[in-house]
Amino acid sequence: MVYTAVDQKPKSGTNLKRLRNVEENPQVTVLADEYSEDWDTLWWVRADGRAVVLAGEREMAGPLRLLAQRYWQYREAPPTGPVLAITVERWSGWAAVPPG
C-alpha cells in the first residue's frame, strides 16, 4: 500500500484535480527516480495499482499516523487530508548498475 496526503502546502483547497481524476479512474501509476550526473547511479521504480480517496477522519487516521512516523515534517504539521491510498498491483524498476 502506498499513501500520500494533501498537506498544508499552498493549494486552492482540497478539491484537487488529482483527487477528482482518481474518483473518475482509479488506475494510477506512481514513479520515483534518482537522477545524477554519475549515470551509474541512475534508477527508477514504478508502482501501478488502484487508488481510493480517503476523506473520513477514522479512515485517514492510520495512513496519517504512518506518514508522520516516516516524515518529520508531518509530525510537526500533520496533514489534514484527504489521503490517497494506492493498492499496488505491479512493481517494476530499473537501475543503471544492478545492486551488489
Protein backbone atom coordinates (compact mmCIF):
# COMPACT_ATOMS: atom_id res chain seq x y z
CA MET A 1 0.00 0.00 0.00
CA VAL A 2 1.25 3.49 -0.86
CA TYR A 3 -0.19 6.56 0.88
CA THR A 4 0.07 10.23 0.04
CA ALA A 5 -1.78 13.05 1.77
CA VAL A 6 -2.93 16.54 0.94
CA ASP A 7 -0.85 18.67 3.28
CA GLN A 8 -0.62 22.32 4.26
CA LYS A 9 1.41 23.47 1.28
CA PRO A 10 -0.41 26.28 -0.56
CA LYS A 11 -3.20 24.89 -2.74
CA SER A 12 -6.54 26.14 -3.96
CA GLY A 13 -8.45 23.94 -1.49
CA THR A 14 -8.76 20.19 -1.12
CA ASN A 15 -10.87 19.53 -4.23
CA LEU A 16 -7.73 18.86 -6.26
CA LYS A 17 -7.67 17.67 -9.86
CA ARG A 18 -5.56 14.61 -8.96
CA LEU A 19 -8.22 13.51 -6.45
CA ARG A 20 -11.02 14.07 -8.96
CA ASN A 21 -9.03 12.06 -11.53
CA VAL A 22 -8.82 9.11 -9.12
CA GLU A 23 -12.55 9.29 -8.49
CA GLU A 24 -13.12 9.09 -12.26
CA ASN A 25 -10.44 6.45 -12.98
CA PRO A 26 -8.79 4.64 -10.05
CA GLN A 27 -5.99 3.09 -12.16
CA VAL A 28 -2.85 5.02 -11.16
CA THR A 29 0.91 4.93 -11.51
CA VAL A 30 3.47 6.28 -9.05
CA LEU A 31 7.02 6.81 -10.29
CA ALA A 32 10.13 7.62 -8.25
CA ASP A 33 13.53 8.16 -9.79
CA GLU A 34 17.06 9.25 -8.98
CA TYR A 35 18.96 11.45 -11.39
CA SER A 36 22.65 12.16 -11.07
CA GLU A 37 25.48 13.37 -13.25
CA ASP A 38 27.00 9.97 -12.43
CA TRP A 39 24.93 7.80 -14.75
CA ASP A 40 25.99 4.65 -12.90
CA THR A 41 23.71 5.75 -10.04
CA LEU A 42 20.55 6.32 -12.12
CA TRP A 43 17.45 4.28 -11.19
CA TRP A 44 13.68 4.33 -11.21
CA VAL A 45 10.86 2.36 -9.62
CA ARG A 46 7.22 2.30 -10.72
CA ALA A 47 4.10 1.17 -8.83
CA ASP A 48 0.91 0.51 -10.80
CA GLY A 49 -2.33 -0.03 -8.93
CA ARG A 50 -5.77 1.12 -7.88
CA ALA A 51 -6.32 4.20 -5.74
CA VAL A 52 -9.08 5.42 -3.49
CA VAL A 53 -9.54 8.80 -1.83
CA LEU A 54 -9.88 8.55 1.95
CA ALA A 55 -11.61 11.59 3.41
CA GLY A 56 -13.17 10.40 6.67
CA GLU A 57 -11.31 11.14 9.89
CA ARG A 58 -11.32 7.48 11.00
CA GLU A 59 -10.22 6.04 7.65
CA MET A 60 -7.38 8.61 7.35
CA ALA A 61 -6.08 8.09 10.92
CA GLY A 62 -3.92 5.00 10.23
CA PRO A 63 -2.34 6.25 7.00
CA LEU A 64 -1.66 9.70 8.51
CA ARG A 65 -0.01 8.04 11.51
CA LEU A 66 2.25 6.01 9.18
CA LEU A 67 3.18 9.10 7.18
CA ALA A 68 4.00 11.02 10.39
CA GLN A 69 6.26 8.16 11.54
CA ARG A 70 8.16 8.37 8.26
CA TYR A 71 8.32 12.14 7.68
CA TRP A 72 9.32 14.58 10.44
CA GLN A 73 7.54 17.38 8.57
CA TYR A 74 4.24 15.56 9.12
CA ARG A 75 4.98 15.20 12.83
CA GLU A 76 5.42 18.96 13.10
CA ALA A 77 2.47 19.85 10.85
CA PRO A 78 0.15 16.83 10.44
CA PRO A 79 -1.71 16.79 7.12
CA THR A 80 -5.45 17.16 7.35
CA GLY A 81 -6.12 15.08 4.23
CA PRO A 82 -7.67 13.75 2.18
CA VAL A 83 -5.38 10.75 1.74
CA LEU A 84 -4.77 8.87 -1.48
CA ALA A 85 -4.45 5.13 -0.75
CA ILE A 86 -2.93 3.05 -3.54
CA THR A 87 -3.10 -0.74 -3.59
CA VAL A 88 -0.08 -1.71 -5.67
CA GLU A 89 -0.79 -4.43 -8.21
CA ARG A 90 2.55 -4.38 -10.01
CA TRP A 91 6.07 -3.12 -9.27
CA SER A 92 8.70 -2.51 -11.94
CA GLY A 93 12.03 -0.76 -11.98
CA TRP A 94 15.43 -0.27 -13.49
CA ALA A 95 18.92 0.62 -12.34
CA ALA A 96 21.95 1.55 -14.42
CA VAL A 97 24.08 -0.74 -12.28
CA PRO A 98 22.37 -3.68 -10.59
CA PRO A 99 22.65 -3.71 -6.76
CA GLY A 100 25.51 -5.69 -5.24
